[in-house]
């Protein structure tokens, strides 16, 4: 789906419910660069989780600032939070042949859940990494959550370096918005770092600006997890109705 603006996505979904039903059931979409998009098959899940983990912990600003480990992220975010939150219904994988080159995770905001941590390392990961992160995100999104009837959250994503700037993230966002609308969600929210990030450039095509949160302003449990560092995040919103 290579739509120029949100209205094109909305029109496509409303005029082609049969095509969306096929995609929801497992059909694929291939863009002009030969990249195929689909929901993530179960036999590609571990590869998708591993790719996402590597990209996020090494590149995503919040993960880097919180010094998330690959082991901690894959076990606690991918294999726990995402699976418990039924990510499969709303998420997209991008494939070059059989290779996973992009992963784009969305979940039902009201259905974000996790199982209890299994080890001391897991407890520490949630206490020291995820709790500050969720507090930061919720501070950004509190007003959006209250206003929305059924909210879909673009929770995390990643594209392999050699596949960036090829339209993959933009195609995947269009598909995620179309998927969420087709499944009855009323709103979609997603976060991106300020200004120069690839995510920021992609999201502005289809989304509207919501709230802003500078890193230096964030206080969690009487401390500043991100210090006085420059930068921050923007919440992007989209009504799907």
Protein backbone atom coordinates (compact mmCIF):
# COMPACT_ATOMS: atom_id res chain seq x y z
CA UNK A 1 0.00 0.00 0.00
CA UNK A 2 1.74 3.13 -1.24
CA UNK A 3 -0.81 5.78 -0.32
CA UNK A 4 0.20 9.45 -0.31
CA UNK A 5 -2.04 10.44 2.60
CA UNK A 6 -4.38 9.02 5.25
CA UNK A 7 -7.48 9.77 3.19
CA UNK A 8 -6.23 7.38 0.49
CA UNK A 9 -5.86 4.59 3.05
CA UNK A 10 -9.32 5.26 4.49
CA UNK A 11 -10.91 5.21 1.03
CA UNK A 12 -9.15 1.96 0.10
CA UNK A 13 -10.34 0.19 3.26
CA UNK A 14 -13.91 1.38 2.83
CA UNK A 15 -14.07 0.42 -0.85
CA UNK A 16 -12.17 -2.88 -0.63
CA UNK A 17 -13.31 -4.76 2.48
CA UNK A 18 -12.81 -8.07 0.67
CA UNK A 19 -9.12 -7.36 0.07
CA UNK A 20 -8.63 -6.39 3.70
CA UNK A 21 -10.36 -9.58 4.80
CA UNK A 22 -7.94 -11.60 2.69
CA UNK A 23 -4.95 -9.76 4.18
CA UNK A 24 -6.27 -10.34 7.69
CA UNK A 25 -6.62 -14.03 6.81
CA UNK A 26 -2.98 -14.26 5.67
CA UNK A 27 -2.68 -12.81 2.16
CA UNK A 28 0.42 -10.79 1.23
CA UNK A 29 1.14 -7.42 -0.39
CA UNK A 30 4.27 -6.74 -2.47
CA UNK A 31 5.44 -3.17 -3.06
CA UNK A 32 7.17 -1.68 -6.09
CA UNK A 33 10.61 -2.58 -4.67
CA UNK A 34 9.74 -6.27 -4.39
CA UNK A 35 9.33 -6.26 -0.60
CA UNK A 36 6.48 -8.46 0.61
CA UNK A 37 4.33 -7.53 3.60
CA UNK A 38 2.11 -9.82 5.64
CA UNK A 39 1.12 -10.69 9.15
CA UNK A 40 4.03 -12.49 10.82
CA UNK A 41 3.80 -16.28 10.29
CA UNK A 42 4.45 -18.43 13.35
CA UNK A 43 7.45 -20.07 11.70
CA UNK A 44 9.10 -16.64 11.22
CA UNK A 45 8.36 -15.36 14.72
CA UNK A 46 11.76 -16.09 16.27
CA UNK A 47 13.61 -14.54 13.33
CA UNK A 48 11.32 -11.50 13.53
CA UNK A 49 11.87 -11.16 17.29
CA UNK A 50 15.65 -11.47 16.90
CA UNK A 51 15.79 -8.88 14.12
CA UNK A 52 13.55 -6.46 16.02
CA UNK A 53 15.56 -6.89 19.21
CA UNK A 54 18.88 -6.13 17.54
CA UNK A 55 17.58 -3.03 15.78
CA UNK A 56 15.74 -1.61 18.79
CA UNK A 57 18.38 -2.02 21.50
CA UNK A 58 21.07 -0.56 19.25
CA UNK A 59 19.11 2.28 17.63
CA UNK A 60 15.86 3.19 19.40
CA UNK A 61 16.55 6.28 21.58
CA UNK A 62 14.63 5.14 24.67
CA UNK A 63 16.10 1.64 24.57
CA UNK A 64 19.61 3.05 24.17
CA UNK A 65 19.18 5.58 26.99
CA UNK A 66 17.82 2.86 29.30
CA UNK A 67 20.66 0.52 28.25
CA UNK A 68 18.39 -2.40 27.43
CA UNK A 69 20.15 -5.68 26.74
CA UNK A 70 19.24 -7.86 23.77
CA UNK A 71 18.48 -10.79 26.06
CA UNK A 72 16.25 -8.69 28.31
CA UNK A 73 14.35 -7.09 25.43
CA UNK A 74 13.74 -10.30 23.50
CA UNK A 75 12.60 -12.27 26.54
CA UNK A 76 10.53 -9.61 28.31
CA UNK A 77 9.21 -7.48 25.46
CA UNK A 78 8.98 -9.88 22.52
CA UNK A 79 8.35 -13.26 24.12
CA UNK A 80 6.32 -11.91 27.02
CA UNK A 81 4.61 -8.54 26.42
CA UNK A 82 4.03 -8.84 22.68
CA UNK A 83 2.89 -12.47 22.74
CA UNK A 84 0.66 -11.94 25.78
CA UNK A 85 -0.85 -8.89 24.05
CA UNK A 86 -1.73 -10.90 20.90
CA UNK A 87 0.52 -8.83 18.64
CA UNK A 88 -0.22 -11.16 15.70
CA UNK A 89 -3.61 -9.57 15.02
CA UNK A 90 -2.30 -6.07 14.34
CA UNK A 91 1.37 -6.39 13.37
CA UNK A 92 3.22 -6.55 10.06
CA UNK A 93 6.39 -8.23 8.83
CA UNK A 94 8.37 -7.13 5.77
CA UNK A 95 10.22 -9.81 3.78
CA UNK A 96 12.83 -9.82 1.03
CA UNK A 97 12.25 -13.31 -0.26
CA UNK A 98 12.36 -15.46 2.86
CA UNK A 99 14.38 -12.95 4.90
CA UNK A 100 12.76 -10.78 7.58
CA UNK A 101 13.86 -7.19 6.87
CA UNK A 102 11.31 -5.23 8.88
CA UNK A 103 9.01 -5.78 11.85
CA UNK A 104 6.20 -3.42 12.85
CA UNK A 105 4.35 -4.25 16.05
CA UNK A 106 0.96 -2.89 17.08
CA UNK A 107 -1.32 -3.99 19.91
CA UNK A 108 -4.72 -3.22 21.34
CA UNK A 109 -3.97 -0.59 24.03
CA UNK A 110 -6.54 -2.06 26.42
CA UNK A 111 -5.10 -5.56 25.90
CA UNK A 112 -1.44 -4.75 26.63
CA UNK A 113 -0.47 -7.35 29.20
CA UNK A 114 2.39 -9.52 30.40
CA UNK A 115 3.03 -12.53 32.58
CA UNK A 116 4.91 -12.22 35.87
CA UNK A 117 8.72 -12.02 35.60
CA UNK A 118 10.40 -15.41 36.05
CA UNK A 119 13.81 -14.44 37.41
CA UNK A 120 15.52 -11.67 39.37
CA UNK A 121 17.00 -10.42 36.08
CA UNK A 122 13.49 -10.19 34.62
CA UNK A 123 12.21 -8.32 37.69
CA UNK A 124 15.12 -5.88 37.39
CA UNK A 125 14.42 -5.41 33.68
CA UNK A 126 10.81 -4.43 34.31
CA UNK A 127 11.64 -2.23 37.30
CA UNK A 128 14.60 -0.41 35.80
CA UNK A 129 13.86 -0.41 32.07
CA UNK A 130 10.19 -0.96 31.26
CA UNK A 131 8.52 0.87 34.15
CA UNK A 132 10.25 4.18 33.33
CA UNK A 133 9.56 3.65 29.63
CA UNK A 134 5.85 2.96 30.14
CA UNK A 135 5.55 5.91 32.51
CA UNK A 136 7.12 8.15 29.88
CA UNK A 137 4.82 6.87 27.14
CA UNK A 138 1.68 7.07 29.29
CA UNK A 139 2.51 10.66 30.23
CA UNK A 140 2.56 11.44 26.51
CA UNK A 141 -0.58 9.47 25.74
CA UNK A 142 -2.89 9.93 28.72
CA UNK A 143 -5.25 12.34 26.97
CA UNK A 144 -5.36 10.19 23.82
CA UNK A 145 -6.22 7.08 25.84
CA UNK A 146 -9.08 8.82 27.63
CA UNK A 147 -10.59 10.20 24.41
CA UNK A 148 -10.38 7.03 22.33
CA UNK A 149 -13.04 4.34 22.28
CA UNK A 150 -10.89 1.52 20.90
CA UNK A 151 -7.21 2.41 20.69
CA UNK A 152 -4.48 0.68 18.68
CA UNK A 153 -0.88 1.39 19.76
CA UNK A 154 2.12 1.16 17.47
CA UNK A 155 4.36 -0.18 20.20
CA UNK A 156 7.71 -0.89 18.50
CA UNK A 157 9.27 -1.43 15.07
CA UNK A 158 12.54 -1.91 13.26
CA UNK A 159 14.04 -2.15 9.77
CA UNK A 160 17.45 -3.59 8.90
CA UNK A 161 19.95 -0.81 8.15
CA UNK A 162 20.53 -1.89 4.57
CA UNK A 163 16.78 -1.68 3.89
CA UNK A 164 16.11 1.81 5.27
CA UNK A 165 14.97 4.63 2.96
CA UNK A 166 13.22 2.17 0.65
CA UNK A 167 9.66 3.00 1.67
CA UNK A 168 9.27 -0.08 3.86
CA UNK A 169 8.31 1.72 7.07
CA UNK A 170 5.86 3.94 5.22
CA UNK A 171 4.20 0.98 3.49
CA UNK A 172 4.01 -0.86 6.80
CA UNK A 173 2.42 2.09 8.60
CA UNK A 174 -0.22 2.39 5.88
CA UNK A 175 -0.95 -1.31 6.25
CA UNK A 176 -1.10 -1.10 10.05
CA UNK A 177 -3.56 1.79 9.87
CA UNK A 178 -5.67 -0.08 7.31
CA UNK A 179 -5.57 -3.22 9.44
CA UNK A 180 -6.58 -1.39 12.61
CA UNK A 181 -9.45 0.38 10.84
CA UNK A 182 -10.67 -2.88 9.31
CA UNK A 183 -10.67 -4.53 12.74
CA UNK A 184 -12.84 -1.80 14.24
CA UNK A 185 -10.36 0.42 16.08
CA UNK A 186 -11.33 4.07 16.39
CA UNK A 187 -7.85 5.55 16.90
CA UNK A 188 -4.18 4.78 16.37
CA UNK A 189 -1.23 6.24 18.27
CA UNK A 190 2.50 5.88 17.80
CA UNK A 191 5.59 7.59 19.17
CA UNK A 192 8.75 8.86 17.45
CA UNK A 193 11.90 10.72 18.40
CA UNK A 194 12.12 14.41 17.56
CA UNK A 195 12.94 15.75 14.14
CA UNK A 196 15.55 13.84 12.22
CA UNK A 197 14.59 10.23 12.99
CA UNK A 198 13.35 8.02 10.17
CA UNK A 199 10.22 7.25 12.18
CA UNK A 200 9.39 10.95 12.52
CA UNK A 201 9.72 11.44 8.76
CA UNK A 202 7.46 8.46 8.05
CA UNK A 203 4.74 9.11 10.60
CA UNK A 204 4.09 12.70 9.54
CA UNK A 205 2.72 11.47 6.20
CA UNK A 206 -0.34 9.77 7.69
CA UNK A 207 -0.55 10.93 11.31
CA UNK A 208 -1.33 14.12 13.20
CA UNK A 209 0.92 15.67 15.84
CA UNK A 210 -0.16 15.01 19.40
CA UNK A 211 1.78 15.87 22.55
CA UNK A 212 5.52 16.38 22.99
CA UNK A 213 7.73 15.22 25.84
CA UNK A 214 11.37 16.38 26.17
CA UNK A 215 13.68 13.85 27.79
CA UNK A 216 14.98 16.50 30.20
CA UNK A 217 11.48 17.13 31.62
CA UNK A 218 10.75 13.51 32.54
CA UNK A 219 10.85 12.58 36.23
CA UNK A 220 10.26 9.01 37.44
CA UNK A 221 10.32 8.09 41.13
CA UNK A 222 12.03 11.39 42.01
CA UNK A 223 14.81 10.94 39.50
CA UNK A 224 15.44 11.81 35.86
CA UNK A 225 16.13 8.53 34.00
CA UNK A 226 17.20 10.42 30.88
CA UNK A 227 19.14 13.12 32.70
CA UNK A 228 19.21 16.52 31.02
CA UNK A 229 19.86 15.11 27.58
CA UNK A 230 18.53 16.90 24.54
CA UNK A 231 15.73 15.51 22.40
CA UNK A 232 12.51 13.80 23.23
CA UNK A 233 9.47 12.18 21.70
CA UNK A 234 6.38 13.23 19.79
CA UNK A 235 3.13 11.30 19.97
CA UNK A 236 1.40 10.96 16.60
CA UNK A 237 -2.35 10.31 16.50
CA UNK A 238 -4.83 9.24 13.85
CA UNK A 239 -8.59 8.97 14.07
CA UNK A 240 -9.60 5.93 12.03
CA UNK A 241 -13.30 6.72 11.74
